Amino acid sequence: MKQTSLWDTRGLIADALSMEGLSVEENRAIFFDWAFGLAEPERAAEASRALLDLHRTAQNADHAMIALLEDAANGAAAERGRTGRRRKTDQ
């Protein structure tokens, strides 16, 4: 049974973590589908931390989706603009 949460009601993250052989690009596409579907996108870091608490295990620690969630939990998305380039913070 797929484990969903308040932050992953469609089960996208849970599904990605259960699939073997997904490429980094496929995980990234699933991650962005999930992120763009958040009702409160400004809470993406909080959502990512909650999903890591729910899903991260010793067995999947090197999964691409875990890495994407870790980046988001640490605010990586907030440091980037729409093009993916880092914003200048020393201005």
PDB file of N, CA and C in Angstrom:
ATOM      1  N   MET A   1       0.844  -1.194   0.000  1.00  0.00           N
ATOM      2  CA  MET A   1       0.000   0.000   0.000  1.00  0.00           C
ATOM      3  C   MET A   1       0.881   1.246   0.000  1.00  0.00           C
ATOM      4  N   LYS A   2       0.520   2.177  -0.841  1.00  0.00           N
ATOM      5  CA  LYS A   2       1.275   3.423  -0.973  1.00  0.00           C
ATOM      6  C   LYS A   2       1.069   4.284   0.264  1.00  0.00           C
ATOM      7  N   GLN A   3       2.180   4.803   0.793  1.00  0.00           N
ATOM      8  CA  GLN A   3       2.110   5.653   1.978  1.00  0.00           C
ATOM      9  C   GLN A   3       2.059   7.109   1.519  1.00  0.00           C
ATOM     10  N   THR A   4       0.934   7.753   1.755  1.00  0.00           N
ATOM     11  CA  THR A   4       0.784   9.161   1.386  1.00  0.00           C
ATOM     12  C   THR A   4       0.760   9.994   2.658  1.00  0.00           C
ATOM     13  N   SER A   5       0.792  11.288   2.476  1.00  0.00           N
ATOM     14  CA  SER A   5       0.774  12.193   3.616  1.00  0.00           C
ATOM     15  C   SER A   5       0.051  13.470   3.223  1.00  0.00           C
ATOM     16  N   LEU A   6      -0.098  14.333   4.194  1.00  0.00           N
ATOM     17  CA  LEU A   6      -0.679  15.653   3.949  1.00  0.00           C
ATOM     18  C   LEU A   6       0.054  16.364   2.813  1.00  0.00           C
ATOM     19  N   TRP A   7       1.363  16.155   2.725  1.00  0.00           N
ATOM     20  CA  TRP A   7       2.187  16.853   1.741  1.00  0.00           C
ATOM     21  C   TRP A   7       2.310  16.114   0.406  1.00  0.00           C
ATOM     22  N   ASP A   8       1.863  14.865   0.359  1.00  0.00           N
ATOM     23  CA  ASP A   8       1.975  14.069  -0.866  1.00  0.00           C
ATOM     24  C   ASP A   8       0.684  13.289  -1.075  1.00  0.00           C
ATOM     25  N   THR A   9      -0.410  14.015  -1.190  1.00  0.00           N
ATOM     26  CA  THR A   9      -1.720  13.376  -1.258  1.00  0.00           C
ATOM     27  C   THR A   9      -1.900  12.529  -2.512  1.00  0.00           C
ATOM     28  N   ARG A  10      -1.195  12.861  -3.583  1.00  0.00           N
ATOM     29  CA  ARG A  10      -1.283  12.065  -4.818  1.00  0.00           C
ATOM     30  C   ARG A  10      -0.308  10.888  -4.789  1.00  0.00           C
ATOM     31  N   GLY A  11       0.558  10.833  -3.791  1.00  0.00           N
ATOM     32  CA  GLY A  11       1.491   9.724  -3.668  1.00  0.00           C
ATOM     33  C   GLY A  11       2.636   9.746  -4.661  1.00  0.00           C
ATOM     34  N   LEU A  12       2.928  10.909  -5.236  1.00  0.00           N
ATOM     35  CA  LEU A  12       3.989  10.991  -6.245  1.00  0.00           C
ATOM     36  C   LEU A  12       5.359  10.643  -5.671  1.00  0.00           C
ATOM     37  N   ILE A  13       5.671  11.183  -4.516  1.00  0.00           N
ATOM     38  CA  ILE A  13       6.978  10.929  -3.903  1.00  0.00           C
ATOM     39  C   ILE A  13       7.070   9.466  -3.477  1.00  0.00           C
ATOM     40  N   ALA A  14       6.018   8.968  -2.849  1.00  0.00           N
ATOM     41  CA  ALA A  14       5.993   7.567  -2.427  1.00  0.00           C
ATOM     42  C   ALA A  14       6.169   6.636  -3.621  1.00  0.00           C
ATOM     43  N   ASP A  15       5.473   6.934  -4.725  1.00  0.00           N
ATOM     44  CA  ASP A  15       5.597   6.105  -5.925  1.00  0.00           C
ATOM     45  C   ASP A  15       7.016   6.128  -6.479  1.00  0.00           C
ATOM     46  N   ALA A  16       7.586   7.317  -6.571  1.00  0.00           N
ATOM     47  CA  ALA A  16       8.939   7.438  -7.125  1.00  0.00           C
ATOM     48  C   ALA A  16       9.937   6.640  -6.294  1.00  0.00           C
ATOM     49  N   LEU A  17       9.778   6.671  -4.989  1.00  0.00           N
ATOM     50  CA  LEU A  17      10.695   5.950  -4.110  1.00  0.00           C
ATOM     51  C   LEU A  17      10.524   4.433  -4.205  1.00  0.00           C
ATOM     52  N   SER A  18       9.356   3.996  -4.644  1.00  0.00           N
ATOM     53  CA  SER A  18       9.113   2.560  -4.754  1.00  0.00           C
ATOM     54  C   SER A  18       9.510   1.997  -6.125  1.00  0.00           C
ATOM     55  N   MET A  19       9.780   2.871  -7.086  1.00  0.00           N
ATOM     56  CA  MET A  19      10.136   2.429  -8.437  1.00  0.00           C
ATOM     57  C   MET A  19      11.641   2.271  -8.581  1.00  0.00           C
ATOM     58  N   GLU A  20      12.030   1.154  -9.114  1.00  0.00           N
ATOM     59  CA  GLU A  20      13.449   0.921  -9.370  1.00  0.00           C
ATOM     60  C   GLU A  20      13.780   1.369 -10.786  1.00  0.00           C
ATOM     61  N   GLY A  21      14.991   1.849 -10.959  1.00  0.00           N
ATOM     62  CA  GLY A  21      15.481   2.168 -12.290  1.00  0.00           C
ATOM     63  C   GLY A  21      15.104   3.528 -12.835  1.00  0.00           C
ATOM     64  N   LEU A  22      14.479   4.393 -12.027  1.00  0.00           N
ATOM     65  CA  LEU A  22      14.158   5.740 -12.507  1.00  0.00           C
ATOM     66  C   LEU A  22      15.447   6.546 -12.642  1.00  0.00           C
ATOM     67  N   SER A  23      15.553   7.284 -13.719  1.00  0.00           N
ATOM     68  CA  SER A  23      16.722   8.141 -13.905  1.00  0.00           C
ATOM     69  C   SER A  23      16.602   9.382 -13.031  1.00  0.00           C
ATOM     70  N   VAL A  24      17.704  10.082 -12.904  1.00  0.00           N
ATOM     71  CA  VAL A  24      17.693  11.345 -12.158  1.00  0.00           C
ATOM     72  C   VAL A  24      16.695  12.308 -12.798  1.00  0.00           C
ATOM     73  N   GLU A  25      16.672  12.352 -14.119  1.00  0.00           N
ATOM     74  CA  GLU A  25      15.759  13.249 -14.827  1.00  0.00           C
ATOM     75  C   GLU A  25      14.304  12.879 -14.564  1.00  0.00           C
ATOM     76  N   GLU A  26      13.999  11.592 -14.534  1.00  0.00           N
ATOM     77  CA  GLU A  26      12.630  11.160 -14.255  1.00  0.00           C
ATOM     78  C   GLU A  26      12.235  11.517 -12.824  1.00  0.00           C
ATOM     79  N   ASN A  27      13.143  11.332 -11.882  1.00  0.00           N
ATOM     80  CA  ASN A  27      12.879  11.739 -10.501  1.00  0.00           C
ATOM     81  C   ASN A  27      12.667  13.238 -10.413  1.00  0.00           C
ATOM     82  N   ARG A  28      13.465  13.996 -11.132  1.00  0.00           N
ATOM     83  CA  ARG A  28      13.334  15.461 -11.117  1.00  0.00           C
ATOM     84  C   ARG A  28      11.966  15.871 -11.673  1.00  0.00           C
ATOM     85  N   ALA A  29      11.527  15.231 -12.740  1.00  0.00           N
ATOM     86  CA  ALA A  29      10.216  15.549 -13.325  1.00  0.00           C
ATOM     87  C   ALA A  29       9.095  15.247 -12.332  1.00  0.00           C
ATOM     88  N   ILE A  30       9.180  14.115 -11.654  1.00  0.00           N
ATOM     89  CA  ILE A  30       8.185  13.763 -10.636  1.00  0.00           C
ATOM     90  C   ILE A  30       8.224  14.767  -9.489  1.00  0.00           C
ATOM     91  N   PHE A  31       9.432  15.123  -9.063  1.00  0.00           N
ATOM     92  CA  PHE A  31       9.577  16.093  -7.976  1.00  0.00           C
ATOM     93  C   PHE A  31       8.921  17.428  -8.338  1.00  0.00           C
ATOM     94  N   PHE A  32       9.171  17.921  -9.550  1.00  0.00           N
ATOM     95  CA  PHE A  32       8.588  19.205  -9.935  1.00  0.00           C
ATOM     96  C   PHE A  32       7.076  19.103 -10.093  1.00  0.00           C
ATOM     97  N   ASP A  33       6.578  17.974 -10.575  1.00  0.00           N
ATOM     98  CA  ASP A  33       5.128  17.774 -10.631  1.00  0.00           C
ATOM     99  C   ASP A  33       4.547  17.882  -9.226  1.00  0.00           C
ATOM    100  N   TRP A  34       5.214  17.220  -8.261  1.00  0.00           N
ATOM    101  CA  TRP A  34       4.779  17.311  -6.870  1.00  0.00           C
ATOM    102  C   TRP A  34       4.851  18.752  -6.363  1.00  0.00           C
ATOM    103  N   ALA A  35       5.991  19.412  -6.565  1.00  0.00           N
ATOM    104  CA  ALA A  35       6.201  20.762  -6.036  1.00  0.00           C
ATOM    105  C   ALA A  35       5.207  21.756  -6.631  1.00  0.00           C
ATOM    106  N   PHE A  36       4.969  21.671  -7.936  1.00  0.00           N
ATOM    107  CA  PHE A  36       4.030  22.600  -8.565  1.00  0.00           C
ATOM    108  C   PHE A  36       2.594  22.336  -8.124  1.00  0.00           C
ATOM    109  N   GLY A  37       2.326  21.151  -7.598  1.00  0.00           N
ATOM    110  CA  GLY A  37       0.989  20.817  -7.135  1.00  0.00           C
ATOM    111  C   GLY A  37       0.720  21.164  -5.684  1.00  0.00           C
ATOM    112  N   LEU A  38       1.738  21.675  -4.987  1.00  0.00           N
ATOM    113  CA  LEU A  38       1.533  22.045  -3.582  1.00  0.00           C
ATOM    114  C   LEU A  38       0.537  23.190  -3.465  1.00  0.00           C
ATOM    115  N   ALA A  39      -0.390  23.055  -2.544  1.00  0.00           N
ATOM    116  CA  ALA A  39      -1.370  24.116  -2.303  1.00  0.00           C
ATOM    117  C   ALA A  39      -0.703  25.370  -1.755  1.00  0.00           C
ATOM    118  N   GLU A  40       0.391  25.169  -1.002  1.00  0.00           N
ATOM    119  CA  GLU A  40       1.129  26.280  -0.409  1.00  0.00           C
ATOM    120  C   GLU A  40       2.605  26.133  -0.793  1.00  0.00           C
ATOM    121  N   PRO A  41       2.970  26.546  -2.000  1.00  0.00           N
ATOM    122  CA  PRO A  41       4.339  26.335  -2.469  1.00  0.00           C
ATOM    123  C   PRO A  41       5.403  27.004  -1.603  1.00  0.00           C
ATOM    124  N   GLU A  42       5.023  28.039  -0.873  1.00  0.00           N
ATOM    125  CA  GLU A  42       5.992  28.705   0.003  1.00  0.00           C
ATOM    126  C   GLU A  42       6.405  27.805   1.174  1.00  0.00           C
ATOM    127  N   ARG A  43       5.703  26.700   1.354  1.00  0.00           N
ATOM    128  CA  ARG A  43       6.014  25.758   2.427  1.00  0.00           C
ATOM    129  C   ARG A  43       6.719  24.505   1.893  1.00  0.00           C
ATOM    130  N   ALA A  44       7.327  24.606   0.718  1.00  0.00           N
ATOM    131  CA  ALA A  44       7.982  23.451   0.085  1.00  0.00           C
ATOM    132  C   ALA A  44       9.102  22.880   0.956  1.00  0.00           C
ATOM    133  N   ALA A  45       9.870  23.727   1.611  1.00  0.00           N
ATOM    134  CA  ALA A  45      10.957  23.229   2.473  1.00  0.00           C
ATOM    135  C   ALA A  45      10.384  22.433   3.641  1.00  0.00           C
ATOM    136  N   GLU A  46       9.337  22.951   4.253  1.00  0.00           N
ATOM    137  CA  GLU A  46       8.680  22.250   5.359  1.00  0.00           C
ATOM    138  C   GLU A  46       8.106  20.915   4.881  1.00  0.00           C
ATOM    139  N   ALA A  47       7.465  20.940   3.724  1.00  0.00           N
ATOM    140  CA  ALA A  47       6.896  19.719   3.152  1.00  0.00           C
ATOM    141  C   ALA A  47       7.989  18.697   2.861  1.00  0.00           C
ATOM    142  N   SER A  48       9.091  19.150   2.323  1.00  0.00           N
ATOM    143  CA  SER A  48      10.206  18.255   2.002  1.00  0.00           C
ATOM    144  C   SER A  48      10.776  17.619   3.257  1.00  0.00           C
ATOM    145  N   ARG A  49      10.921  18.403   4.323  1.00  0.00           N
ATOM    146  CA  ARG A  49      11.416  17.852   5.591  1.00  0.00           C
ATOM    147  C   ARG A  49      10.464  16.780   6.125  1.00  0.00           C
ATOM    148  N   ALA A  50       9.172  17.033   6.046  1.00  0.00           N
ATOM    149  CA  ALA A  50       8.183  16.062   6.523  1.00  0.00           C
ATOM    150  C   ALA A  50       8.238  14.777   5.695  1.00  0.00           C
ATOM    151  N   LEU A  51       8.405  14.918   4.391  1.00  0.00           N
ATOM    152  CA  LEU A  51       8.479  13.728   3.539  1.00  0.00           C
ATOM    153  C   LEU A  51       9.767  12.954   3.773  1.00  0.00           C
ATOM    154  N   LEU A  52      10.841  13.650   4.051  1.00  0.00           N
ATOM    155  CA  LEU A  52      12.084  12.957   4.401  1.00  0.00           C
ATOM    156  C   LEU A  52      11.910  12.170   5.690  1.00  0.00           C
ATOM    157  N   ASP A  53      11.273  12.780   6.679  1.00  0.00           N
ATOM    158  CA  ASP A  53      11.024  12.082   7.948  1.00  0.00           C
ATOM    159  C   ASP A  53      10.186  10.822   7.719  1.00  0.00           C
ATOM    160  N   LEU A  54       9.243  10.902   6.805  1.00  0.00           N
ATOM    161  CA  LEU A  54       8.344   9.792   6.530  1.00  0.00           C
ATOM    162  C   LEU A  54       9.011   8.690   5.708  1.00  0.00           C
ATOM    163  N   HIS A  55       9.792   9.066   4.712  1.00  0.00           N
ATOM    164  CA  HIS A  55      10.251   8.102   3.709  1.00  0.00           C
ATOM    165  C   HIS A  55      11.731   7.720   3.760  1.00  0.00           C
ATOM    166  N   ARG A  56      12.589   8.552   4.303  1.00  0.00           N
ATOM    167  CA  ARG A  56      14.026   8.256   4.223  1.00  0.00           C
ATOM    168  C   ARG A  56      14.380   7.061   5.107  1.00  0.00           C
ATOM    169  N   THR A  57      15.102   6.133   4.511  1.00  0.00           N
ATOM    170  CA  THR A  57      15.585   4.957   5.239  1.00  0.00           C
ATOM    171  C   THR A  57      17.047   4.736   4.864  1.00  0.00           C
ATOM    172  N   ALA A  58      17.699   3.857   5.573  1.00  0.00           N
ATOM    173  CA  ALA A  58      19.088   3.516   5.234  1.00  0.00           C
ATOM    174  C   ALA A  58      19.156   2.889   3.844  1.00  0.00           C
ATOM    175  N   GLN A  59      18.104   2.175   3.462  1.00  0.00           N
ATOM    176  CA  GLN A  59      18.092   1.490   2.169  1.00  0.00           C
ATOM    177  C   GLN A  59      17.907   2.446   0.983  1.00  0.00           C
ATOM    178  N   ASN A  60      17.254   3.574   1.184  1.00  0.00           N
ATOM    179  CA  ASN A  60      17.013   4.479   0.047  1.00  0.00           C
ATOM    180  C   ASN A  60      17.776   5.801   0.167  1.00  0.00           C
ATOM    181  N   ALA A  61      18.744   5.869   1.061  1.00  0.00           N
ATOM    182  CA  ALA A  61      19.473   7.123   1.306  1.00  0.00           C
ATOM    183  C   ALA A  61      20.161   7.668   0.063  1.00  0.00           C
ATOM    184  N   ASP A  62      20.496   6.803  -0.903  1.00  0.00           N
ATOM    185  CA  ASP A  62      21.169   7.270  -2.118  1.00  0.00           C
ATOM    186  C   ASP A  62      20.214   7.420  -3.299  1.00  0.00           C
ATOM    187  N   HIS A  63      18.905   7.346  -3.057  1.00  0.00           N
ATOM    188  CA  HIS A  63      17.901   7.507  -4.113  1.00  0.00           C
ATOM    189  C   HIS A  63      17.873   8.968  -4.571  1.00  0.00           C
ATOM    190  N   ALA A  64      17.721   9.174  -5.847  1.00  0.00           N
ATOM    191  CA  ALA A  64      17.698  10.535  -6.402  1.00  0.00           C
ATOM    192  C   ALA A  64      16.582  11.385  -5.794  1.00  0.00           C
ATOM    193  N   MET A  65      15.433  10.795  -5.497  1.00  0.00           N
ATOM    194  CA  MET A  65      14.335  11.569  -4.919  1.00  0.00           C
ATOM    195  C   MET A  65      14.696  12.054  -3.520  1.00  0.00           C
ATOM    196  N   ILE A  66      15.408  11.247  -2.762  1.00  0.00           N
ATOM    197  CA  ILE A  66      15.844  11.674  -1.427  1.00  0.00           C
ATOM    198  C   ILE A  66      16.767  12.883  -1.554  1.00  0.00           C
ATOM    199  N   ALA A  67      17.670  12.850  -2.519  1.00  0.00           N
ATOM    200  CA  ALA A  67      18.576  13.988  -2.732  1.00  0.00           C
ATOM    201  C   ALA A  67      17.798  15.244  -3.106  1.00  0.00           C
ATOM    202  N   LEU A  68      16.794  15.110  -3.959  1.00  0.00           N
ATOM    203  CA  LEU A  68      15.973  16.268  -4.339  1.00  0.00           C
ATOM    204  C   LEU A  68      15.217  16.820  -3.137  1.00  0.00           C
ATOM    205  N   LEU A  69      14.655  15.944  -2.327  1.00  0.00           N
ATOM    206  CA  LEU A  69      13.946  16.390  -1.133  1.00  0.00           C
ATOM    207  C   LEU A  69      14.893  17.059  -0.142  1.00  0.00           C
ATOM    208  N   GLU A  70      16.104  16.523  -0.008  1.00  0.00           N
ATOM    209  CA  GLU A  70      17.091  17.145   0.886  1.00  0.00           C
ATOM    210  C   GLU A  70      17.446  18.546   0.413  1.00  0.00           C
ATOM    211  N   ASP A  71      17.653  18.706  -0.893  1.00  0.00           N
ATOM    212  CA  ASP A  71      17.945  20.037  -1.433  1.00  0.00           C
ATOM    213  C   ASP A  71      16.801  21.004  -1.133  1.00  0.00           C
ATOM    214  N   ALA A  72      15.581  20.560  -1.373  1.00  0.00           N
ATOM    215  CA  ALA A  72      14.420  21.419  -1.128  1.00  0.00           C
ATOM    216  C   ALA A  72      14.260  21.719   0.361  1.00  0.00           C
ATOM    217  N   ALA A  73      14.511  20.731   1.199  1.00  0.00           N
ATOM    218  CA  ALA A  73      14.393  20.923   2.648  1.00  0.00           C
ATOM    219  C   ALA A  73      15.394  21.946   3.155  1.00  0.00           C
ATOM    220  N   ASN A  74      16.521  22.031   2.472  1.00  0.00           N
ATOM    221  CA  ASN A  74      17.561  22.985   2.857  1.00  0.00           C
ATOM    222  C   ASN A  74      17.423  24.319   2.144  1.00  0.00           C
ATOM    223  N   GLY A  75      16.320  24.532   1.454  1.00  0.00           N
ATOM    224  CA  GLY A  75      16.037  25.809   0.829  1.00  0.00           C
ATOM    225  C   GLY A  75      16.696  26.042  -0.508  1.00  0.00           C
ATOM    226  N   ALA A  76      17.147  24.998  -1.181  1.00  0.00           N
ATOM    227  CA  ALA A  76      17.819  25.174  -2.468  1.00  0.00           C
ATOM    228  C   ALA A  76      16.924  25.869  -3.482  1.00  0.00           C
ATOM    229  N   ALA A  77      15.636  25.558  -3.477  1.00  0.00           N
ATOM    230  CA  ALA A  77      14.725  26.177  -4.444  1.00  0.00           C
ATOM    231  C   ALA A  77      14.601  27.676  -4.203  1.00  0.00           C
ATOM    232  N   ALA A  78      14.675  28.108  -2.956  1.00  0.00           N
ATOM    233  CA  ALA A  78      14.537  29.527  -2.642  1.00  0.00           C
ATOM    234  C   ALA A  78      15.734  30.332  -3.129  1.00  0.00           C
ATOM    235  N   GLU A  79      16.863  29.666  -3.329  1.00  0.00           N
ATOM    236  CA  GLU A  79      18.063  30.365  -3.773  1.00  0.00           C
ATOM    237  C   GLU A  79      18.131  30.498  -5.290  1.00  0.00           C
ATOM    238  N   ARG A  80      17.203  29.879  -5.981  1.00  0.00           N
ATOM    239  CA  ARG A  80      17.248  29.864  -7.442  1.00  0.00           C
ATOM    240  C   ARG A  80      16.059  30.624  -8.012  1.00  0.00           C
ATOM    241  N   GLY A  81      16.270  31.217  -9.137  1.00  0.00           N
ATOM    242  CA  GLY A  81      15.187  31.877  -9.856  1.00  0.00           C
ATOM    243  C   GLY A  81      14.486  30.888 -10.760  1.00  0.00           C
ATOM    244  N   ARG A  82      13.601  31.372 -11.600  1.00  0.00           N
ATOM    245  CA  ARG A  82      12.847  30.495 -12.482  1.00  0.00           C
ATOM    246  C   ARG A  82      13.743  29.778 -13.484  1.00  0.00           C
ATOM    247  N   THR A  83      14.904  30.337 -13.789  1.00  0.00           N
ATOM    248  CA  THR A  83      15.798  29.698 -14.756  1.00  0.00           C
ATOM    249  C   THR A  83      16.696  28.667 -14.108  1.00  0.00           C
ATOM    250  N   GLY A  84      16.681  28.579 -12.786  1.00  0.00           N
ATOM    251  CA  GLY A  84      17.526  27.627 -12.095  1.00  0.00           C
ATOM    252  C   GLY A  84      18.872  28.195 -11.691  1.00  0.00           C
ATOM    253  N   ARG A  85      19.152  29.425 -12.091  1.00  0.00           N
ATOM    254  CA  ARG A  85      20.424  30.041 -11.705  1.00  0.00           C
ATOM    255  C   ARG A  85      20.340  30.540 -10.285  1.00  0.00           C
ATOM    256  N   ARG A  86      21.476  30.473  -9.605  1.00  0.00           N
ATOM    257  CA  ARG A  86      21.528  30.988  -8.233  1.00  0.00           C
ATOM    258  C   ARG A  86      21.340  32.498  -8.238  1.00  0.00           C
ATOM    259  N   ARG A  87      20.554  32.957  -7.281  1.00  0.00           N
ATOM    260  CA  ARG A  87      20.393  34.411  -7.126  1.00  0.00           C
ATOM    261  C   ARG A  87      21.635  34.981  -6.475  1.00  0.00           C
ATOM    262  N   LYS A  88      21.958  36.190  -6.826  1.00  0.00           N
ATOM    263  CA  LYS A  88      23.091  36.865  -6.199  1.00  0.00           C
ATOM    264  C   LYS A  88      22.649  37.345  -4.822  1.00  0.00           C
ATOM    265  N   THR A  89      23.381  36.892  -3.806  1.00  0.00           N
ATOM    266  CA  THR A  89      22.999  37.250  -2.437  1.00  0.00           C
ATOM    267  C   THR A  89      23.946  38.285  -1.838  1.00  0.00           C
ATOM    268  N   ASP A  90      24.987  38.649  -2.563  1.00  0.00           N
ATOM    269  CA  ASP A  90      25.952  39.596  -1.999  1.00  0.00           C
ATOM    270  C   ASP A  90      25.782  40.994  -2.592  1.00  0.00           C
ATOM    271  N   GLN A  91      24.564  41.344  -2.941  1.00  0.00           N
ATOM    272  CA  GLN A  91      24.321  42.691  -3.482  1.00  0.00           C
ATOM    273  C   GLN A  91      23.878  43.623  -2.403  1.00  0.00           C
TER     274      GLN A  91
END
